[in-house]
Amino acid sequence: MTHIIRTNSENPDFKNLVKALDSYLKITDGDEHDFYNQFNNIDVIKHTVVAFENNTAVGCGAFKKFNDTSVEIKRMFTKPELRNSGVASSILLELESWAKEIGFDSAVLETGTRQIEAVSFYRKNGYDMIPNYGQYENVLNSLCFKKTLS
């Protein structure tokens, strides 16, 4: 049974999972890792969640304010051995619920064209592709998505 806690970026389990995420992304992003990594500073993130299975941290996610009506989903990660088990969907649902509770109407996110599993995951969870925003506007390997929170 997955247990999810709401926390912040100071949480040691969150920090450890983000280190695993960064190691994974360093490989998949290749030469573009430094570009993407500059937008992933967790010090500015106040809303994070950590998923546990049998008291072991197995996944995480976060959001930060994007604009007055939207949050940006950040730092989504599930340990490889638990992918396709529903953990990531539970994390995302918790983030969306929390954002809605504090007054946001939608969520946006960016993922890379090389993150084929992530693209499929976000589409499966109701995210629609939108034009690339902000720092990703002219980045060919970035894909941006949006979902209305209901």
C-alpha atoms as a PDB file:
ATOM      1  CA  MET A   1       0.000   0.000   0.000  1.00  0.00           C
ATOM      2  CA  THR A   2       1.368   3.383  -1.015  1.00  0.00           C
ATOM      3  CA  HIS A   3       1.442   6.065   1.663  1.00  0.00           C
ATOM      4  CA  ILE A   4       2.040   9.669   0.549  1.00  0.00           C
ATOM      5  CA  ILE A   5       3.087  12.566   2.734  1.00  0.00           C
ATOM      6  CA  ARG A   6       3.031  16.266   1.956  1.00  0.00           C
ATOM      7  CA  THR A   7       6.259  17.980   2.887  1.00  0.00           C
ATOM      8  CA  ASN A   8       8.774  20.498   1.526  1.00  0.00           C
ATOM      9  CA  SER A   9      12.121  20.439  -0.232  1.00  0.00           C
ATOM     10  CA  GLU A  10      13.989  20.105   3.066  1.00  0.00           C
ATOM     11  CA  ASN A  11      12.703  16.546   3.507  1.00  0.00           C
ATOM     12  CA  PRO A  12      15.696  14.131   3.420  1.00  0.00           C
ATOM     13  CA  ASP A  13      13.738  11.427   1.566  1.00  0.00           C
ATOM     14  CA  PHE A  14      12.737  13.970  -1.085  1.00  0.00           C
ATOM     15  CA  LYS A  15      16.358  15.112  -1.443  1.00  0.00           C
ATOM     16  CA  ASN A  16      17.609  11.531  -1.851  1.00  0.00           C
ATOM     17  CA  LEU A  17      14.993  10.737  -4.483  1.00  0.00           C
ATOM     18  CA  VAL A  18      15.875  13.925  -6.379  1.00  0.00           C
ATOM     19  CA  LYS A  19      19.520  12.807  -6.426  1.00  0.00           C
ATOM     20  CA  ALA A  20      18.415   9.531  -8.035  1.00  0.00           C
ATOM     21  CA  LEU A  21      16.279  11.496 -10.519  1.00  0.00           C
ATOM     22  CA  ASP A  22      19.199  13.743 -11.430  1.00  0.00           C
ATOM     23  CA  SER A  23      21.464  10.731 -12.001  1.00  0.00           C
ATOM     24  CA  TYR A  24      18.853   9.251 -14.343  1.00  0.00           C
ATOM     25  CA  LEU A  25      18.341  12.543 -16.204  1.00  0.00           C
ATOM     26  CA  LYS A  26      22.065  13.122 -16.601  1.00  0.00           C
ATOM     27  CA  ILE A  27      22.133   9.992 -18.756  1.00  0.00           C
ATOM     28  CA  THR A  28      18.917  10.571 -20.711  1.00  0.00           C
ATOM     29  CA  ASP A  29      19.421  14.325 -21.252  1.00  0.00           C
ATOM     30  CA  GLY A  30      22.963  13.842 -22.502  1.00  0.00           C
ATOM     31  CA  ASP A  31      24.632  17.075 -23.586  1.00  0.00           C
ATOM     32  CA  GLU A  32      21.548  19.102 -22.667  1.00  0.00           C
ATOM     33  CA  HIS A  33      21.539  18.077 -18.992  1.00  0.00           C
ATOM     34  CA  ASP A  34      23.157  21.293 -17.745  1.00  0.00           C
ATOM     35  CA  PHE A  35      20.580  23.410 -19.600  1.00  0.00           C
ATOM     36  CA  TYR A  36      17.626  21.563 -18.057  1.00  0.00           C
ATOM     37  CA  ASN A  37      19.244  21.211 -14.646  1.00  0.00           C
ATOM     38  CA  GLN A  38      19.426  24.972 -14.149  1.00  0.00           C
ATOM     39  CA  PHE A  39      15.627  25.066 -13.892  1.00  0.00           C
ATOM     40  CA  ASN A  40      15.396  22.321 -11.268  1.00  0.00           C
ATOM     41  CA  ASN A  41      16.682  24.019  -8.120  1.00  0.00           C
ATOM     42  CA  ILE A  42      14.671  22.491  -5.286  1.00  0.00           C
ATOM     43  CA  ASP A  43      15.463  25.285  -2.810  1.00  0.00           C
ATOM     44  CA  VAL A  44      12.580  27.353  -4.181  1.00  0.00           C
ATOM     45  CA  ILE A  45      10.034  24.523  -3.967  1.00  0.00           C
ATOM     46  CA  LYS A  46       7.679  24.653  -0.988  1.00  0.00           C
ATOM     47  CA  HIS A  47       5.196  21.917  -1.996  1.00  0.00           C
ATOM     48  CA  THR A  48       6.597  18.400  -2.310  1.00  0.00           C
ATOM     49  CA  VAL A  49       5.250  14.918  -1.747  1.00  0.00           C
ATOM     50  CA  VAL A  50       7.032  11.657  -1.008  1.00  0.00           C
ATOM     51  CA  ALA A  51       5.523   8.212  -1.587  1.00  0.00           C
ATOM     52  CA  PHE A  52       6.385   5.293   0.672  1.00  0.00           C
ATOM     53  CA  GLU A  53       6.015   1.535   0.279  1.00  0.00           C
ATOM     54  CA  ASN A  54       6.690  -0.480   3.444  1.00  0.00           C
ATOM     55  CA  ASN A  55       8.222   2.608   5.100  1.00  0.00           C
ATOM     56  CA  THR A  56      10.693   3.072   2.226  1.00  0.00           C
ATOM     57  CA  ALA A  57      10.642   6.236   0.114  1.00  0.00           C
ATOM     58  CA  VAL A  58       9.955   5.138  -3.470  1.00  0.00           C
ATOM     59  CA  GLY A  59       8.818   8.248  -5.325  1.00  0.00           C
ATOM     60  CA  CYS A  60       8.404  11.984  -5.201  1.00  0.00           C
ATOM     61  CA  GLY A  61       7.015  15.018  -6.948  1.00  0.00           C
ATOM     62  CA  ALA A  62       6.602  18.733  -6.398  1.00  0.00           C
ATOM     63  CA  PHE A  63       4.968  21.851  -7.681  1.00  0.00           C
ATOM     64  CA  LYS A  64       5.677  25.547  -7.641  1.00  0.00           C
ATOM     65  CA  LYS A  65       3.589  28.532  -8.611  1.00  0.00           C
ATOM     66  CA  PHE A  66       3.694  29.123 -12.359  1.00  0.00           C
ATOM     67  CA  ASN A  67       1.299  32.071 -12.493  1.00  0.00           C
ATOM     68  CA  ASP A  68      -1.802  33.248 -10.610  1.00  0.00           C
ATOM     69  CA  THR A  69      -3.903  30.290 -11.786  1.00  0.00           C
ATOM     70  CA  SER A  70      -1.388  27.518 -12.527  1.00  0.00           C
ATOM     71  CA  VAL A  71       1.296  25.470 -10.853  1.00  0.00           C
ATOM     72  CA  GLU A  72       4.237  23.816 -12.556  1.00  0.00           C
ATOM     73  CA  ILE A  73       4.769  20.143 -11.756  1.00  0.00           C
ATOM     74  CA  LYS A  74       8.428  19.452 -10.999  1.00  0.00           C
ATOM     75  CA  ARG A  75      10.775  16.667  -9.861  1.00  0.00           C
ATOM     76  CA  MET A  76       8.510  13.699 -10.570  1.00  0.00           C
ATOM     77  CA  PHE A  77      10.354  10.436  -9.931  1.00  0.00           C
ATOM     78  CA  THR A  78       9.552   6.838  -9.075  1.00  0.00           C
ATOM     79  CA  LYS A  79      12.197   4.218  -8.401  1.00  0.00           C
ATOM     80  CA  PRO A  80      12.558   2.059 -11.527  1.00  0.00           C
ATOM     81  CA  GLU A  81      11.451  -1.158  -9.832  1.00  0.00           C
ATOM     82  CA  LEU A  82       8.089   0.435  -8.965  1.00  0.00           C
ATOM     83  CA  ARG A  83       7.286   2.066 -12.290  1.00  0.00           C
ATOM     84  CA  ASN A  84       3.945   1.060 -13.808  1.00  0.00           C
ATOM     85  CA  SER A  85       2.662   0.152 -10.334  1.00  0.00           C
ATOM     86  CA  GLY A  86       0.473   3.229  -9.794  1.00  0.00           C
ATOM     87  CA  VAL A  87       2.901   5.039  -7.481  1.00  0.00           C
ATOM     88  CA  ALA A  88       3.567   7.889  -9.929  1.00  0.00           C
ATOM     89  CA  SER A  89      -0.146   8.364 -10.617  1.00  0.00           C
ATOM     90  CA  SER A  90      -0.780   8.556  -6.861  1.00  0.00           C
ATOM     91  CA  ILE A  91       1.961  11.166  -6.501  1.00  0.00           C
ATOM     92  CA  LEU A  92       0.612  13.244  -9.371  1.00  0.00           C
ATOM     93  CA  LEU A  93      -2.961  13.041  -8.067  1.00  0.00           C
ATOM     94  CA  GLU A  94      -1.801  14.205  -4.623  1.00  0.00           C
ATOM     95  CA  LEU A  95       0.048  17.158  -6.155  1.00  0.00           C
ATOM     96  CA  GLU A  96      -2.979  18.109  -8.240  1.00  0.00           C
ATOM     97  CA  SER A  97      -5.309  17.853  -5.227  1.00  0.00           C
ATOM     98  CA  TRP A  98      -3.005  19.994  -3.095  1.00  0.00           C
ATOM     99  CA  ALA A  99      -2.677  22.650  -5.803  1.00  0.00           C
ATOM    100  CA  LYS A 100      -6.449  22.782  -6.217  1.00  0.00           C
ATOM    101  CA  GLU A 101      -6.950  23.033  -2.439  1.00  0.00           C
ATOM    102  CA  ILE A 102      -4.814  26.164  -2.305  1.00  0.00           C
ATOM    103  CA  GLY A 103      -6.606  27.820  -5.222  1.00  0.00           C
ATOM    104  CA  PHE A 104      -4.926  26.840  -8.474  1.00  0.00           C
ATOM    105  CA  ASP A 105      -6.990  25.870 -11.540  1.00  0.00           C
ATOM    106  CA  SER A 106      -4.437  24.114 -13.720  1.00  0.00           C
ATOM    107  CA  ALA A 107      -1.039  22.476 -13.834  1.00  0.00           C
ATOM    108  CA  VAL A 108       1.655  22.759 -16.484  1.00  0.00           C
ATOM    109  CA  LEU A 109       4.866  20.818 -16.904  1.00  0.00           C
ATOM    110  CA  GLU A 110       7.795  20.213 -19.183  1.00  0.00           C
ATOM    111  CA  THR A 111       9.394  16.920 -20.051  1.00  0.00           C
ATOM    112  CA  GLY A 112      11.851  15.894 -22.700  1.00  0.00           C
ATOM    113  CA  THR A 113      11.243  14.124 -25.973  1.00  0.00           C
ATOM    114  CA  ARG A 114      13.688  11.448 -24.757  1.00  0.00           C
ATOM    115  CA  GLN A 115      11.511  10.758 -21.680  1.00  0.00           C
ATOM    116  CA  ILE A 116       9.158   8.513 -23.666  1.00  0.00           C
ATOM    117  CA  GLU A 117       7.702   6.897 -20.513  1.00  0.00           C
ATOM    118  CA  ALA A 118       7.029  10.327 -18.997  1.00  0.00           C
ATOM    119  CA  VAL A 119       5.271  11.600 -22.121  1.00  0.00           C
ATOM    120  CA  SER A 120       3.008   8.547 -22.145  1.00  0.00           C
ATOM    121  CA  PHE A 121       2.414   8.854 -18.386  1.00  0.00           C
ATOM    122  CA  TYR A 122       1.310  12.494 -18.563  1.00  0.00           C
ATOM    123  CA  ARG A 123      -0.985  11.859 -21.520  1.00  0.00           C
ATOM    124  CA  LYS A 124      -2.528   8.897 -19.666  1.00  0.00           C
ATOM    125  CA  ASN A 125      -3.148  11.207 -16.697  1.00  0.00           C
ATOM    126  CA  GLY A 126      -5.061  13.817 -18.691  1.00  0.00           C
ATOM    127  CA  TYR A 127      -2.348  16.252 -19.709  1.00  0.00           C
ATOM    128  CA  ASP A 128      -2.601  17.847 -23.146  1.00  0.00           C
ATOM    129  CA  MET A 129       0.348  19.110 -25.133  1.00  0.00           C
ATOM    130  CA  ILE A 130       0.646  22.895 -25.295  1.00  0.00           C
ATOM    131  CA  PRO A 131       3.132  25.227 -26.978  1.00  0.00           C
ATOM    132  CA  ASN A 132       6.453  25.282 -25.142  1.00  0.00           C
ATOM    133  CA  TYR A 133       6.487  28.000 -22.502  1.00  0.00           C
ATOM    134  CA  GLY A 134       9.078  30.245 -20.899  1.00  0.00           C
ATOM    135  CA  GLN A 135      12.640  28.961 -20.994  1.00  0.00           C
ATOM    136  CA  TYR A 136      11.540  25.956 -23.086  1.00  0.00           C
ATOM    137  CA  GLU A 137       9.972  28.045 -25.859  1.00  0.00           C
ATOM    138  CA  ASN A 138      12.585  27.368 -28.528  1.00  0.00           C
ATOM    139  CA  VAL A 139      13.939  24.084 -27.174  1.00  0.00           C
ATOM    140  CA  LEU A 140      13.344  21.314 -29.697  1.00  0.00           C
ATOM    141  CA  ASN A 141      13.756  18.474 -27.180  1.00  0.00           C
ATOM    142  CA  SER A 142      11.184  19.891 -24.742  1.00  0.00           C
ATOM    143  CA  LEU A 143       7.496  19.034 -24.653  1.00  0.00           C
ATOM    144  CA  CYS A 144       5.084  21.048 -22.509  1.00  0.00           C
ATOM    145  CA  PHE A 145       1.729  19.910 -21.159  1.00  0.00           C
ATOM    146  CA  LYS A 146      -1.248  21.351 -19.287  1.00  0.00           C
ATOM    147  CA  LYS A 147      -4.189  19.949 -17.360  1.00  0.00           C
ATOM    148  CA  THR A 148      -7.213  21.682 -15.914  1.00  0.00           C
ATOM    149  CA  LEU A 149      -7.603  20.617 -12.301  1.00  0.00           C
ATOM    150  CA  SER A 150     -11.130  19.411 -11.610  1.00  0.00           C
END
